[in-house]
Amino acid sequence: MDPDNPLFIKAFTVKIEELQNILTEMANLNANAIRVYLGQNSPSTAPTGADKKLVMVAVAGFDPDEDNPGFDIVQYSNPNNLQQPLSGCYDFTYPCPDTCAKTSPLLIGANA
């Protein structure tokens, strides 16, 4: 991947509504943090990094003061169907380019 390539992923956009929904659901799971992983579609075929994703997952028990990383809630019980758990992983991100402002001061000099 070439960071000087104008198609290289430099940032991600996340809709506020989606973050609010995640936070509401996380509160119901007694999570106290969200961990964000940099993921990639498999197999990777995009040379510019367009296959990159941010994957958000609820974390329970996180306490940096006690050196406790907590644990990722990757799935949890579905109250409507106990045989089919729900995913705790979220990918509602949009890669930039194409979703970022070309004039962002954070992208100036980065071939936005």
Protein backbone atom coordinates (compact mmCIF):
# COMPACT_ATOMS: atom_id res chain seq x y z
CA MET A 1 0.00 0.00 0.00
CA ASP A 2 1.28 3.41 -0.98
CA PRO A 3 0.18 6.29 1.31
CA ASP A 4 1.00 8.74 -1.49
CA ASN A 5 -1.61 7.08 -3.70
CA PRO A 6 -4.70 9.35 -3.75
CA LEU A 7 -6.92 6.27 -3.31
CA PHE A 8 -5.10 5.06 -0.18
CA ILE A 9 -7.44 4.95 2.85
CA LYS A 10 -6.51 7.79 5.22
CA ALA A 11 -9.54 7.96 7.50
CA PHE A 12 -12.99 6.54 8.19
CA THR A 13 -16.36 8.24 8.59
CA VAL A 14 -18.91 6.94 11.11
CA LYS A 15 -22.49 8.23 11.23
CA ILE A 16 -23.55 9.68 14.61
CA GLU A 17 -26.83 7.73 14.53
CA GLU A 18 -24.89 4.48 14.23
CA LEU A 19 -22.63 5.38 17.15
CA GLN A 20 -25.66 6.27 19.27
CA ASN A 21 -27.28 2.92 18.45
CA ILE A 22 -24.09 1.07 19.36
CA LEU A 23 -23.78 2.95 22.65
CA THR A 24 -27.40 2.15 23.55
CA GLU A 25 -26.88 -1.52 22.84
CA MET A 26 -23.58 -1.56 24.74
CA ALA A 27 -25.24 -0.05 27.82
CA ASN A 28 -27.71 -2.94 27.76
CA LEU A 29 -24.76 -5.36 27.83
CA ASN A 30 -23.06 -3.59 30.77
CA ALA A 31 -20.09 -2.77 28.57
CA ASN A 32 -17.89 0.08 29.72
CA ALA A 33 -15.79 0.64 26.59
CA ILE A 34 -15.69 0.11 22.85
CA ARG A 35 -12.60 -1.36 21.24
CA VAL A 36 -11.90 -0.51 17.60
CA TYR A 37 -10.04 -2.98 15.43
CA LEU A 38 -8.59 -2.33 12.00
CA GLY A 39 -9.95 -5.14 9.85
CA GLN A 40 -9.70 -6.21 6.26
CA ASN A 41 -12.03 -7.99 3.88
CA SER A 42 -10.76 -11.43 3.08
CA PRO A 43 -9.13 -12.12 0.74
CA SER A 44 -7.49 -8.74 0.29
CA THR A 45 -7.51 -7.73 -3.36
CA ALA A 46 -7.59 -3.94 -3.10
CA PRO A 47 -4.09 -2.47 -3.54
CA THR A 48 -5.11 0.95 -2.15
CA GLY A 49 -6.48 -0.26 1.18
CA ALA A 50 -10.13 0.15 0.15
CA ASP A 51 -10.76 -3.26 1.72
CA LYS A 52 -9.93 -1.89 5.18
CA LYS A 53 -12.65 -1.65 7.81
CA LEU A 54 -12.97 -0.42 11.36
CA VAL A 55 -14.69 -3.05 13.45
CA MET A 56 -16.13 -1.89 16.76
CA VAL A 57 -16.85 -4.29 19.61
CA ALA A 58 -18.21 -3.76 23.12
CA VAL A 59 -15.77 -4.33 25.98
CA ALA A 60 -16.80 -5.31 29.49
CA GLY A 61 -14.57 -4.93 32.52
CA PHE A 62 -12.05 -2.53 30.96
CA ASP A 63 -10.04 -0.77 33.67
CA PRO A 64 -6.75 0.84 32.61
CA ASP A 65 -6.00 1.85 36.22
CA GLU A 66 -5.97 -1.83 37.21
CA ASP A 67 -4.18 -2.95 34.02
CA ASN A 68 -7.31 -4.92 33.06
CA PRO A 69 -8.02 -5.01 29.31
CA GLY A 70 -11.50 -6.44 29.88
CA PHE A 71 -13.01 -8.79 27.35
CA ASP A 72 -14.57 -8.29 23.94
CA ILE A 73 -18.28 -9.08 23.68
CA VAL A 74 -18.08 -10.65 20.23
CA GLN A 75 -21.54 -12.19 20.52
CA TYR A 76 -24.32 -12.22 23.07
CA SER A 77 -27.68 -13.91 23.73
CA ASN A 78 -30.61 -13.05 21.54
CA PRO A 79 -33.65 -12.60 23.82
CA ASN A 80 -35.95 -13.47 20.89
CA ASN A 81 -34.10 -16.63 19.86
CA LEU A 82 -31.70 -18.23 22.34
CA GLN A 83 -30.46 -20.60 19.62
CA GLN A 84 -29.17 -17.72 17.48
CA PRO A 85 -26.78 -15.35 19.29
CA LEU A 86 -26.37 -11.77 18.12
CA SER A 87 -23.09 -10.32 16.89
CA GLY A 88 -21.38 -7.75 19.07
CA CYS A 89 -19.10 -6.65 16.22
CA TYR A 90 -20.03 -3.57 14.21
CA ASP A 91 -18.73 -2.30 10.91
CA PHE A 92 -20.64 0.85 10.01
CA THR A 93 -17.63 2.76 8.78
CA TYR A 94 -17.10 4.43 5.44
CA PRO A 95 -13.52 4.68 4.16
CA CYS A 96 -11.99 7.95 3.04
CA PRO A 97 -11.59 8.57 0.20
CA ASP A 98 -14.53 8.96 -0.84
CA THR A 99 -16.36 10.08 2.31
CA CYS A 100 -14.04 12.76 3.71
CA ALA A 101 -13.92 16.48 2.99
CA LYS A 102 -11.11 17.15 0.56
CA THR A 103 -10.29 20.38 2.44
CA SER A 104 -9.95 18.83 5.92
CA PRO A 105 -6.87 20.26 7.68
CA LEU A 106 -6.12 16.71 8.82
CA LEU A 107 -5.73 15.61 5.21
CA ILE A 108 -3.81 18.60 3.84
CA GLY A 109 -0.55 17.30 2.43
CA ALA A 110 -1.85 13.75 2.51
CA ASN A 111 -3.16 13.68 -1.06
CA ALA A 112 -6.75 14.02 0.17
